[in-house]
Amino acid sequence: MGLAKTEIFTDSQNEIALFAKAFGHPARVAILQHLFKINTCVCGDLVDEIGLAQPTISQHLKELKHLGLIKGSVEGTSVCYCINPEVWTKMKVVMTEFLDQDLPKTSCC
């Protein structure tokens, strides 16, 4: 498999791509929606809520944490997760700026 060559792209392009990755799988979208819905940290009940196996949920949580959209804290033997408001706000700004680009008034085709 070849290298992603992310270094040839701008920091902004890489940041947009990373944030978009969070929405690249419906399980991650479901996890984020659940965290917003409960508006508190979740400590392990995601398997029943999302309907996937624990290792699968753990992989998606790991990816969301790597992206910074969620944060986790260790409580006893479990890790509790919640939305990281600072990164979520930054992502909204970055993605809104990108998605608010308008098409030119002239048609190319």
PDB file of N, CA and C in Angstrom:
ATOM      1  N   MET A   1       0.851  -1.182   0.000  1.00  0.00           N
ATOM      2  CA  MET A   1       0.000   0.000   0.000  1.00  0.00           C
ATOM      3  C   MET A   1       0.892   1.238   0.000  1.00  0.00           C
ATOM      4  N   GLY A   2       0.557   2.227  -0.795  1.00  0.00           N
ATOM      5  CA  GLY A   2       1.352   3.435  -0.916  1.00  0.00           C
ATOM      6  C   GLY A   2       1.143   4.389   0.246  1.00  0.00           C
ATOM      7  N   LEU A   3       2.012   5.367   0.340  1.00  0.00           N
ATOM      8  CA  LEU A   3       1.897   6.383   1.376  1.00  0.00           C
ATOM      9  C   LEU A   3       0.783   7.356   1.021  1.00  0.00           C
ATOM     10  N   ALA A   4       0.192   7.964   2.033  1.00  0.00           N
ATOM     11  CA  ALA A   4      -0.907   8.905   1.808  1.00  0.00           C
ATOM     12  C   ALA A   4      -0.409  10.223   1.229  1.00  0.00           C
ATOM     13  N   LYS A   5       0.880  10.517   1.411  1.00  0.00           N
ATOM     14  CA  LYS A   5       1.481  11.759   0.933  1.00  0.00           C
ATOM     15  C   LYS A   5       0.755  12.996   1.447  1.00  0.00           C
ATOM     16  N   THR A   6       0.335  12.955   2.702  1.00  0.00           N
ATOM     17  CA  THR A   6      -0.386  14.090   3.275  1.00  0.00           C
ATOM     18  C   THR A   6       0.469  15.350   3.323  1.00  0.00           C
ATOM     19  N   GLU A   7       1.799  15.186   3.272  1.00  0.00           N
ATOM     20  CA  GLU A   7       2.673  16.351   3.355  1.00  0.00           C
ATOM     21  C   GLU A   7       2.584  17.241   2.122  1.00  0.00           C
ATOM     22  N   ILE A   8       2.022  16.749   1.024  1.00  0.00           N
ATOM     23  CA  ILE A   8       1.900  17.588  -0.176  1.00  0.00           C
ATOM     24  C   ILE A   8       0.655  18.475  -0.127  1.00  0.00           C
ATOM     25  N   PHE A   9      -0.173  18.296   0.902  1.00  0.00           N
ATOM     26  CA  PHE A   9      -1.397  19.075   1.038  1.00  0.00           C
ATOM     27  C   PHE A   9      -1.237  20.100   2.155  1.00  0.00           C
ATOM     28  N   THR A  10      -2.057  21.135   2.119  1.00  0.00           N
ATOM     29  CA  THR A  10      -1.973  22.179   3.141  1.00  0.00           C
ATOM     30  C   THR A  10      -2.452  21.645   4.491  1.00  0.00           C
ATOM     31  N   ASP A  11      -2.066  22.348   5.535  1.00  0.00           N
ATOM     32  CA  ASP A  11      -2.551  21.987   6.871  1.00  0.00           C
ATOM     33  C   ASP A  11      -4.071  22.010   6.915  1.00  0.00           C
ATOM     34  N   SER A  12      -4.665  22.993   6.272  1.00  0.00           N
ATOM     35  CA  SER A  12      -6.121  23.109   6.236  1.00  0.00           C
ATOM     36  C   SER A  12      -6.761  21.912   5.530  1.00  0.00           C
ATOM     37  N   GLN A  13      -6.199  21.499   4.409  1.00  0.00           N
ATOM     38  CA  GLN A  13      -6.736  20.343   3.688  1.00  0.00           C
ATOM     39  C   GLN A  13      -6.629  19.071   4.521  1.00  0.00           C
ATOM     40  N   ASN A  14      -5.512  18.900   5.203  1.00  0.00           N
ATOM     41  CA  ASN A  14      -5.343  17.735   6.069  1.00  0.00           C
ATOM     42  C   ASN A  14      -6.313  17.769   7.244  1.00  0.00           C
ATOM     43  N   GLU A  15      -6.524  18.956   7.808  1.00  0.00           N
ATOM     44  CA  GLU A  15      -7.441  19.089   8.933  1.00  0.00           C
ATOM     45  C   GLU A  15      -8.874  18.764   8.518  1.00  0.00           C
ATOM     46  N   ILE A  16      -9.306  19.278   7.378  1.00  0.00           N
ATOM     47  CA  ILE A  16     -10.645  18.982   6.871  1.00  0.00           C
ATOM     48  C   ILE A  16     -10.804  17.482   6.645  1.00  0.00           C
ATOM     49  N   ALA A  17      -9.808  16.853   6.042  1.00  0.00           N
ATOM     50  CA  ALA A  17      -9.871  15.408   5.773  1.00  0.00           C
ATOM     51  C   ALA A  17      -9.958  14.606   7.063  1.00  0.00           C
ATOM     52  N   LEU A  18      -9.208  15.017   8.082  1.00  0.00           N
ATOM     53  CA  LEU A  18      -9.263  14.300   9.358  1.00  0.00           C
ATOM     54  C   LEU A  18     -10.621  14.444  10.021  1.00  0.00           C
ATOM     55  N   PHE A  19     -11.160  15.661  10.034  1.00  0.00           N
ATOM     56  CA  PHE A  19     -12.484  15.849  10.624  1.00  0.00           C
ATOM     57  C   PHE A  19     -13.537  15.067   9.839  1.00  0.00           C
ATOM     58  N   ALA A  20     -13.428  15.059   8.529  1.00  0.00           N
ATOM     59  CA  ALA A  20     -14.392  14.319   7.711  1.00  0.00           C
ATOM     60  C   ALA A  20     -14.332  12.820   8.003  1.00  0.00           C
ATOM     61  N   LYS A  21     -13.170  12.346   8.399  1.00  0.00           N
ATOM     62  CA  LYS A  21     -13.009  10.926   8.714  1.00  0.00           C
ATOM     63  C   LYS A  21     -13.928  10.502   9.853  1.00  0.00           C
ATOM     64  N   ALA A  22     -14.219  11.411  10.757  1.00  0.00           N
ATOM     65  CA  ALA A  22     -15.114  11.097  11.870  1.00  0.00           C
ATOM     66  C   ALA A  22     -16.482  10.665  11.372  1.00  0.00           C
ATOM     67  N   PHE A  23     -16.891  11.204  10.234  1.00  0.00           N
ATOM     68  CA  PHE A  23     -18.214  10.902   9.681  1.00  0.00           C
ATOM     69  C   PHE A  23     -18.154   9.833   8.605  1.00  0.00           C
ATOM     70  N   GLY A  24     -16.994   9.216   8.456  1.00  0.00           N
ATOM     71  CA  GLY A  24     -16.783   8.217   7.414  1.00  0.00           C
ATOM     72  C   GLY A  24     -17.355   6.859   7.726  1.00  0.00           C
ATOM     73  N   HIS A  25     -17.881   6.660   8.922  1.00  0.00           N
ATOM     74  CA  HIS A  25     -18.500   5.382   9.276  1.00  0.00           C
ATOM     75  C   HIS A  25     -19.744   5.667  10.108  1.00  0.00           C
ATOM     76  N   PRO A  26     -20.859   5.016   9.795  1.00  0.00           N
ATOM     77  CA  PRO A  26     -22.092   5.296  10.537  1.00  0.00           C
ATOM     78  C   PRO A  26     -22.000   4.976  12.027  1.00  0.00           C
ATOM     79  N   ALA A  27     -21.131   4.059  12.415  1.00  0.00           N
ATOM     80  CA  ALA A  27     -20.978   3.760  13.844  1.00  0.00           C
ATOM     81  C   ALA A  27     -20.416   4.966  14.591  1.00  0.00           C
ATOM     82  N   ARG A  28     -19.460   5.665  13.982  1.00  0.00           N
ATOM     83  CA  ARG A  28     -18.904   6.850  14.633  1.00  0.00           C
ATOM     84  C   ARG A  28     -19.955   7.959  14.718  1.00  0.00           C
ATOM     85  N   VAL A  29     -20.751   8.086  13.683  1.00  0.00           N
ATOM     86  CA  VAL A  29     -21.843   9.072  13.710  1.00  0.00           C
ATOM     87  C   VAL A  29     -22.819   8.713  14.838  1.00  0.00           C
ATOM     88  N   ALA A  30     -23.170   7.436  14.951  1.00  0.00           N
ATOM     89  CA  ALA A  30     -24.097   6.995  15.998  1.00  0.00           C
ATOM     90  C   ALA A  30     -23.522   7.239  17.394  1.00  0.00           C
ATOM     91  N   ILE A  31     -22.240   6.985  17.569  1.00  0.00           N
ATOM     92  CA  ILE A  31     -21.596   7.226  18.866  1.00  0.00           C
ATOM     93  C   ILE A  31     -21.659   8.709  19.212  1.00  0.00           C
ATOM     94  N   LEU A  32     -21.312   9.570  18.260  1.00  0.00           N
ATOM     95  CA  LEU A  32     -21.364  11.009  18.512  1.00  0.00           C
ATOM     96  C   LEU A  32     -22.786  11.464  18.820  1.00  0.00           C
ATOM     97  N   GLN A  33     -23.757  10.963  18.061  1.00  0.00           N
ATOM     98  CA  GLN A  33     -25.157  11.332  18.316  1.00  0.00           C
ATOM     99  C   GLN A  33     -25.587  10.896  19.716  1.00  0.00           C
ATOM    100  N   HIS A  34     -25.182   9.702  20.109  1.00  0.00           N
ATOM    101  CA  HIS A  34     -25.547   9.206  21.443  1.00  0.00           C
ATOM    102  C   HIS A  34     -24.912  10.072  22.531  1.00  0.00           C
ATOM    103  N   LEU A  35     -23.648  10.433  22.367  1.00  0.00           N
ATOM    104  CA  LEU A  35     -22.994  11.271  23.364  1.00  0.00           C
ATOM    105  C   LEU A  35     -23.676  12.635  23.485  1.00  0.00           C
ATOM    106  N   PHE A  36     -24.126  13.183  22.358  1.00  0.00           N
ATOM    107  CA  PHE A  36     -24.852  14.452  22.415  1.00  0.00           C
ATOM    108  C   PHE A  36     -26.221  14.260  23.080  1.00  0.00           C
ATOM    109  N   LYS A  37     -26.872  13.151  22.767  1.00  0.00           N
ATOM    110  CA  LYS A  37     -28.210  12.905  23.302  1.00  0.00           C
ATOM    111  C   LYS A  37     -28.195  12.763  24.826  1.00  0.00           C
ATOM    112  N   ILE A  38     -27.227  12.034  25.361  1.00  0.00           N
ATOM    113  CA  ILE A  38     -27.196  11.826  26.805  1.00  0.00           C
ATOM    114  C   ILE A  38     -26.582  13.005  27.541  1.00  0.00           C
ATOM    115  N   ASN A  39     -25.801  13.823  26.822  1.00  0.00           N
ATOM    116  CA  ASN A  39     -25.204  15.047  27.364  1.00  0.00           C
ATOM    117  C   ASN A  39     -24.426  14.796  28.654  1.00  0.00           C
ATOM    118  N   THR A  40     -23.733  13.674  28.704  1.00  0.00           N
ATOM    119  CA  THR A  40     -22.879  13.335  29.834  1.00  0.00           C
ATOM    120  C   THR A  40     -21.865  12.312  29.356  1.00  0.00           C
ATOM    121  N   CYS A  41     -20.959  11.922  30.218  1.00  0.00           N
ATOM    122  CA  CYS A  41     -19.992  10.896  29.838  1.00  0.00           C
ATOM    123  C   CYS A  41     -20.656   9.523  29.835  1.00  0.00           C
ATOM    124  N   VAL A  42     -20.200   8.677  28.955  1.00  0.00           N
ATOM    125  CA  VAL A  42     -20.715   7.318  28.867  1.00  0.00           C
ATOM    126  C   VAL A  42     -19.598   6.365  29.268  1.00  0.00           C
ATOM    127  N   CYS A  43     -19.949   5.384  30.061  1.00  0.00           N
ATOM    128  CA  CYS A  43     -18.957   4.431  30.570  1.00  0.00           C
ATOM    129  C   CYS A  43     -19.386   2.993  30.246  1.00  0.00           C
ATOM    130  N   GLY A  44     -19.393   2.627  28.983  1.00  0.00           N
ATOM    131  CA  GLY A  44     -19.554   1.222  28.650  1.00  0.00           C
ATOM    132  C   GLY A  44     -20.899   0.761  28.150  1.00  0.00           C
ATOM    133  N   ASP A  45     -21.940   1.574  28.112  1.00  0.00           N
ATOM    134  CA  ASP A  45     -23.232   1.085  27.642  1.00  0.00           C
ATOM    135  C   ASP A  45     -23.424   1.294  26.143  1.00  0.00           C
ATOM    136  N   LEU A  46     -22.367   1.593  25.443  1.00  0.00           N
ATOM    137  CA  LEU A  46     -22.477   1.831  24.004  1.00  0.00           C
ATOM    138  C   LEU A  46     -22.757   0.559  23.211  1.00  0.00           C
ATOM    139  N   VAL A  47     -22.330  -0.590  23.705  1.00  0.00           N
ATOM    140  CA  VAL A  47     -22.554  -1.846  22.980  1.00  0.00           C
ATOM    141  C   VAL A  47     -24.049  -2.067  22.797  1.00  0.00           C
ATOM    142  N   ASP A  48     -24.815  -1.918  23.871  1.00  0.00           N
ATOM    143  CA  ASP A  48     -26.269  -2.095  23.775  1.00  0.00           C
ATOM    144  C   ASP A  48     -26.904  -0.993  22.944  1.00  0.00           C
ATOM    145  N   GLU A  49     -26.407   0.218  23.094  1.00  0.00           N
ATOM    146  CA  GLU A  49     -26.985   1.366  22.388  1.00  0.00           C
ATOM    147  C   GLU A  49     -26.721   1.315  20.885  1.00  0.00           C
ATOM    148  N   ILE A  50     -25.509   0.990  20.489  1.00  0.00           N
ATOM    149  CA  ILE A  50     -25.124   1.023  19.072  1.00  0.00           C
ATOM    150  C   ILE A  50     -25.410  -0.311  18.389  1.00  0.00           C
ATOM    151  N   GLY A  51     -25.257  -1.412  19.125  1.00  0.00           N
ATOM    152  CA  GLY A  51     -25.554  -2.718  18.554  1.00  0.00           C
ATOM    153  C   GLY A  51     -24.381  -3.404  17.875  1.00  0.00           C
ATOM    154  N   LEU A  52     -23.179  -2.962  18.174  1.00  0.00           N
ATOM    155  CA  LEU A  52     -21.981  -3.600  17.623  1.00  0.00           C
ATOM    156  C   LEU A  52     -21.201  -4.259  18.758  1.00  0.00           C
ATOM    157  N   ALA A  53     -20.283  -5.137  18.399  1.00  0.00           N
ATOM    158  CA  ALA A  53     -19.454  -5.816  19.391  1.00  0.00           C
ATOM    159  C   ALA A  53     -18.535  -4.835  20.099  1.00  0.00           C
ATOM    160  N   GLN A  54     -18.161  -5.159  21.329  1.00  0.00           N
ATOM    161  CA  GLN A  54     -17.306  -4.288  22.123  1.00  0.00           C
ATOM    162  C   GLN A  54     -15.987  -3.941  21.425  1.00  0.00           C
ATOM    163  N   PRO A  55     -15.285  -4.919  20.801  1.00  0.00           N
ATOM    164  CA  PRO A  55     -14.044  -4.547  20.120  1.00  0.00           C
ATOM    165  C   PRO A  55     -14.264  -3.543  18.985  1.00  0.00           C
ATOM    166  N   THR A  56     -15.377  -3.663  18.291  1.00  0.00           N
ATOM    167  CA  THR A  56     -15.694  -2.734  17.201  1.00  0.00           C
ATOM    168  C   THR A  56     -15.964  -1.341  17.760  1.00  0.00           C
ATOM    169  N   ILE A  57     -16.763  -1.273  18.814  1.00  0.00           N
ATOM    170  CA  ILE A  57     -17.044   0.010  19.467  1.00  0.00           C
ATOM    171  C   ILE A  57     -15.742   0.639  19.959  1.00  0.00           C
ATOM    172  N   SER A  58     -14.887  -0.179  20.550  1.00  0.00           N
ATOM    173  CA  SER A  58     -13.611   0.328  21.064  1.00  0.00           C
ATOM    174  C   SER A  58     -12.759   0.926  19.952  1.00  0.00           C
ATOM    175  N   GLN A  59     -12.739   0.296  18.790  1.00  0.00           N
ATOM    176  CA  GLN A  59     -11.963   0.820  17.661  1.00  0.00           C
ATOM    177  C   GLN A  59     -12.507   2.178  17.210  1.00  0.00           C
ATOM    178  N   HIS A  60     -13.829   2.298  17.151  1.00  0.00           N
ATOM    179  CA  HIS A  60     -14.424   3.578  16.741  1.00  0.00           C
ATOM    180  C   HIS A  60     -14.188   4.654  17.795  1.00  0.00           C
ATOM    181  N   LEU A  61     -14.278   4.291  19.069  1.00  0.00           N
ATOM    182  CA  LEU A  61     -13.976   5.245  20.135  1.00  0.00           C
ATOM    183  C   LEU A  61     -12.526   5.689  20.057  1.00  0.00           C
ATOM    184  N   LYS A  62     -11.636   4.748  19.786  1.00  0.00           N
ATOM    185  CA  LYS A  62     -10.214   5.068  19.661  1.00  0.00           C
ATOM    186  C   LYS A  62      -9.992   6.064  18.526  1.00  0.00           C
ATOM    187  N   GLU A  63     -10.669   5.853  17.396  1.00  0.00           N
ATOM    188  CA  GLU A  63     -10.525   6.759  16.255  1.00  0.00           C
ATOM    189  C   GLU A  63     -11.071   8.148  16.584  1.00  0.00           C
ATOM    190  N   LEU A  64     -12.235   8.217  17.217  1.00  0.00           N
ATOM    191  CA  LEU A  64     -12.816   9.513  17.589  1.00  0.00           C
ATOM    192  C   LEU A  64     -11.938  10.230  18.603  1.00  0.00           C
ATOM    193  N   LYS A  65     -11.327   9.477  19.515  1.00  0.00           N
ATOM    194  CA  LYS A  65     -10.436  10.094  20.489  1.00  0.00           C
ATOM    195  C   LYS A  65      -9.160  10.578  19.794  1.00  0.00           C
ATOM    196  N   HIS A  66      -8.640   9.784  18.865  1.00  0.00           N
ATOM    197  CA  HIS A  66      -7.455  10.196  18.102  1.00  0.00           C
ATOM    198  C   HIS A  66      -7.729  11.497  17.343  1.00  0.00           C
ATOM    199  N   LEU A  67      -8.919  11.638  16.801  1.00  0.00           N
ATOM    200  CA  LEU A  67      -9.299  12.850  16.085  1.00  0.00           C
ATOM    201  C   LEU A  67      -9.547  14.011  17.039  1.00  0.00           C
ATOM    202  N   GLY A  68      -9.667  13.716  18.328  1.00  0.00           N
ATOM    203  CA  GLY A  68      -9.866  14.753  19.327  1.00  0.00           C
ATOM    204  C   GLY A  68     -11.306  15.129  19.574  1.00  0.00           C
ATOM    205  N   LEU A  69     -12.245  14.504  18.868  1.00  0.00           N
ATOM    206  CA  LEU A  69     -13.651  14.880  19.002  1.00  0.00           C
ATOM    207  C   LEU A  69     -14.270  14.403  20.306  1.00  0.00           C
ATOM    208  N   ILE A  70     -13.700  13.353  20.884  1.00  0.00           N
ATOM    209  CA  ILE A  70     -14.142  12.911  22.201  1.00  0.00           C
ATOM    210  C   ILE A  70     -12.925  12.838  23.112  1.00  0.00           C
ATOM    211  N   LYS A  71     -13.187  12.857  24.389  1.00  0.00           N
ATOM    212  CA  LYS A  71     -12.113  12.669  25.347  1.00  0.00           C
ATOM    213  C   LYS A  71     -12.552  11.598  26.332  1.00  0.00           C
ATOM    214  N   GLY A  72     -11.580  10.947  26.931  1.00  0.00           N
ATOM    215  CA  GLY A  72     -11.881   9.867  27.843  1.00  0.00           C
ATOM    216  C   GLY A  72     -11.147  10.012  29.150  1.00  0.00           C
ATOM    217  N   SER A  73     -11.764   9.492  30.193  1.00  0.00           N
ATOM    218  CA  SER A  73     -11.134   9.481  31.504  1.00  0.00           C
ATOM    219  C   SER A  73     -11.334   8.104  32.126  1.00  0.00           C
ATOM    220  N   VAL A  74     -10.339   7.649  32.858  1.00  0.00           N
ATOM    221  CA  VAL A  74     -10.398   6.334  33.480  1.00  0.00           C
ATOM    222  C   VAL A  74     -11.126   6.455  34.815  1.00  0.00           C
ATOM    223  N   GLU A  75     -12.159   5.631  34.968  1.00  0.00           N
ATOM    224  CA  GLU A  75     -12.900   5.574  36.231  1.00  0.00           C
ATOM    225  C   GLU A  75     -12.987   4.110  36.630  1.00  0.00           C
ATOM    226  N   GLY A  76     -12.174   3.731  37.605  1.00  0.00           N
ATOM    227  CA  GLY A  76     -12.122   2.332  38.019  1.00  0.00           C
ATOM    228  C   GLY A  76     -11.527   1.491  36.916  1.00  0.00           C
ATOM    229  N   THR A  77     -12.298   0.493  36.471  1.00  0.00           N
ATOM    230  CA  THR A  77     -11.811  -0.391  35.416  1.00  0.00           C
ATOM    231  C   THR A  77     -12.323  -0.004  34.036  1.00  0.00           C
ATOM    232  N   SER A  78     -13.068   1.073  33.952  1.00  0.00           N
ATOM    233  CA  SER A  78     -13.613   1.455  32.650  1.00  0.00           C
ATOM    234  C   SER A  78     -13.148   2.856  32.245  1.00  0.00           C
ATOM    235  N   VAL A  79     -13.273   3.118  30.966  1.00  0.00           N
ATOM    236  CA  VAL A  79     -12.955   4.440  30.433  1.00  0.00           C
ATOM    237  C   VAL A  79     -14.276   5.107  30.064  1.00  0.00           C
ATOM    238  N   CYS A  80     -14.447   6.323  30.525  1.00  0.00           N
ATOM    239  CA  CYS A  80     -15.672   7.073  30.235  1.00  0.00           C
ATOM    240  C   CYS A  80     -15.373   8.104  29.148  1.00  0.00           C
ATOM    241  N   TYR A  81     -16.291   8.251  28.199  1.00  0.00           N
ATOM    242  CA  TYR A  81     -16.089   9.141  27.061  1.00  0.00           C
ATOM    243  C   TYR A  81     -17.160  10.214  27.011  1.00  0.00           C
ATOM    244  N   CYS A  82     -16.761  11.386  26.528  1.00  0.00           N
ATOM    245  CA  CYS A  82     -17.704  12.472  26.287  1.00  0.00           C
ATOM    246  C   CYS A  82     -17.166  13.326  25.138  1.00  0.00           C
ATOM    247  N   ILE A  83     -18.027  14.177  24.608  1.00  0.00           N
ATOM    248  CA  ILE A  83     -17.646  15.094  23.535  1.00  0.00           C
ATOM    249  C   ILE A  83     -16.589  16.070  24.069  1.00  0.00           C
ATOM    250  N   ASN A  84     -15.578  16.341  23.258  1.00  0.00           N
ATOM    251  CA  ASN A  84     -14.574  17.348  23.583  1.00  0.00           C
ATOM    252  C   ASN A  84     -15.074  18.670  22.988  1.00  0.00           C
ATOM    253  N   PRO A  85     -15.655  19.551  23.793  1.00  0.00           N
ATOM    254  CA  PRO A  85     -16.310  20.747  23.245  1.00  0.00           C
ATOM    255  C   PRO A  85     -15.383  21.680  22.479  1.00  0.00           C
ATOM    256  N   GLU A  86     -14.128  21.784  22.898  1.00  0.00           N
ATOM    257  CA  GLU A  86     -13.206  22.688  22.213  1.00  0.00           C
ATOM    258  C   GLU A  86     -12.926  22.215  20.789  1.00  0.00           C
ATOM    259  N   VAL A  87     -12.645  20.938  20.645  1.00  0.00           N
ATOM    260  CA  VAL A  87     -12.347  20.398  19.312  1.00  0.00           C
ATOM    261  C   VAL A  87     -13.616  20.354  18.463  1.00  0.00           C
ATOM    262  N   TRP A  88     -14.764  20.030  19.074  1.00  0.00           N
ATOM    263  CA  TRP A  88     -16.023  20.005  18.333  1.00  0.00           C
ATOM    264  C   TRP A  88     -16.313  21.390  17.755  1.00  0.00           C
ATOM    265  N   THR A  89     -16.115  22.426  18.565  1.00  0.00           N
ATOM    266  CA  THR A  89     -16.346  23.794  18.101  1.00  0.00           C
ATOM    267  C   THR A  89     -15.392  24.151  16.970  1.00  0.00           C
ATOM    268  N   LYS A  90     -14.121  23.773  17.118  1.00  0.00           N
ATOM    269  CA  LYS A  90     -13.142  24.050  16.063  1.00  0.00           C
ATOM    270  C   LYS A  90     -13.533  23.333  14.779  1.00  0.00           C
ATOM    271  N   MET A  91     -13.975  22.067  14.895  1.00  0.00           N
ATOM    272  CA  MET A  91     -14.371  21.316  13.716  1.00  0.00           C
ATOM    273  C   MET A  91     -15.554  21.992  13.011  1.00  0.00           C
ATOM    274  N   LYS A  92     -16.512  22.471  13.787  1.00  0.00           N
ATOM    275  CA  LYS A  92     -17.664  23.143  13.190  1.00  0.00           C
ATOM    276  C   LYS A  92     -17.244  24.367  12.387  1.00  0.00           C
ATOM    277  N   VAL A  93     -16.309  25.138  12.908  1.00  0.00           N
ATOM    278  CA  VAL A  93     -15.820  26.327  12.213  1.00  0.00           C
ATOM    279  C   VAL A  93     -15.116  25.926  10.915  1.00  0.00           C
ATOM    280  N   VAL A  94     -14.194  24.971  11.014  1.00  0.00           N
ATOM    281  CA  VAL A  94     -13.411  24.531   9.850  1.00  0.00           C
ATOM    282  C   VAL A  94     -14.322  23.950   8.770  1.00  0.00           C
ATOM    283  N   MET A  95     -15.239  23.082   9.175  1.00  0.00           N
ATOM    284  CA  MET A  95     -16.104  22.419   8.192  1.00  0.00           C
ATOM    285  C   MET A  95     -17.129  23.395   7.606  1.00  0.00           C
ATOM    286  N   THR A  96     -17.643  24.308   8.408  1.00  0.00           N
ATOM    287  CA  THR A  96     -18.596  25.300   7.893  1.00  0.00           C
ATOM    288  C   THR A  96     -17.930  26.190   6.860  1.00  0.00           C
ATOM    289  N   GLU A  97     -16.707  26.610   7.156  1.00  0.00           N
ATOM    290  CA  GLU A  97     -15.965  27.440   6.200  1.00  0.00           C
ATOM    291  C   GLU A  97     -15.772  26.695   4.881  1.00  0.00           C
ATOM    292  N   PHE A  98     -15.438  25.425   4.974  1.00  0.00           N
ATOM    293  CA  PHE A  98     -15.233  24.613   3.775  1.00  0.00           C
ATOM    294  C   PHE A  98     -16.549  24.393   3.024  1.00  0.00           C
ATOM    295  N   LEU A  99     -17.598  24.040   3.745  1.00  0.00           N
ATOM    296  CA  LEU A  99     -18.877  23.713   3.108  1.00  0.00           C
ATOM    297  C   LEU A  99     -19.645  24.941   2.631  1.00  0.00           C
ATOM    298  N   ASP A 100     -19.323  26.114   3.137  1.00  0.00           N
ATOM    299  CA  ASP A 100     -20.009  27.341   2.727  1.00  0.00           C
ATOM    300  C   ASP A 100     -19.453  27.943   1.438  1.00  0.00           C
ATOM    301  N   GLN A 101     -18.506  27.267   0.823  1.00  0.00           N
ATOM    302  CA  GLN A 101     -18.017  27.761  -0.463  1.00  0.00           C
ATOM    303  C   GLN A 101     -19.148  27.682  -1.483  1.00  0.00           C
ATOM    304  N   ASP A 102     -19.313  28.722  -2.252  1.00  0.00           N
ATOM    305  CA  ASP A 102     -20.379  28.738  -3.243  1.00  0.00           C
ATOM    306  C   ASP A 102     -19.811  28.396  -4.622  1.00  0.00           C
ATOM    307  N   LEU A 103     -20.669  27.784  -5.404  1.00  0.00           N
ATOM    308  CA  LEU A 103     -20.297  27.506  -6.791  1.00  0.00           C
ATOM    309  C   LEU A 103     -20.316  28.806  -7.579  1.00  0.00           C
ATOM    310  N   PRO A 104     -19.455  28.919  -8.563  1.00  0.00           N
ATOM    311  CA  PRO A 104     -19.491  30.124  -9.401  1.00  0.00           C
ATOM    312  C   PRO A 104     -20.844  30.242 -10.114  1.00  0.00           C
ATOM    313  N   LYS A 105     -21.194  31.463 -10.451  1.00  0.00           N
ATOM    314  CA  LYS A 105     -22.492  31.719 -11.108  1.00  0.00           C
ATOM    315  C   LYS A 105     -22.530  31.144 -12.516  1.00  0.00           C
ATOM    316  N   THR A 106     -21.387  30.963 -13.125  1.00  0.00           N
ATOM    317  CA  THR A 106     -21.351  30.403 -14.485  1.00  0.00           C
ATOM    318  C   THR A 106     -21.220  28.885 -14.397  1.00  0.00           C
ATOM    319  N   SER A 107     -21.749  28.243 -15.386  1.00  0.00           N
ATOM    320  CA  SER A 107     -21.686  26.789 -15.431  1.00  0.00           C
ATOM    321  C   SER A 107     -20.507  26.347 -16.283  1.00  0.00           C
ATOM    322  N   CYS A 108     -19.839  25.302 -15.868  1.00  0.00           N
ATOM    323  CA  CYS A 108     -18.682  24.835 -16.638  1.00  0.00           C
ATOM    324  C   CYS A 108     -19.076  23.756 -17.641  1.00  0.00           C
ATOM    325  N   CYS A 109     -20.240  23.222 -17.542  1.00  0.00           N
ATOM    326  CA  CYS A 109     -20.659  22.157 -18.473  1.00  0.00           C
ATOM    327  C   CYS A 109     -21.893  22.541 -19.267  1.00  0.00           C
TER     328      CYS A 109
END
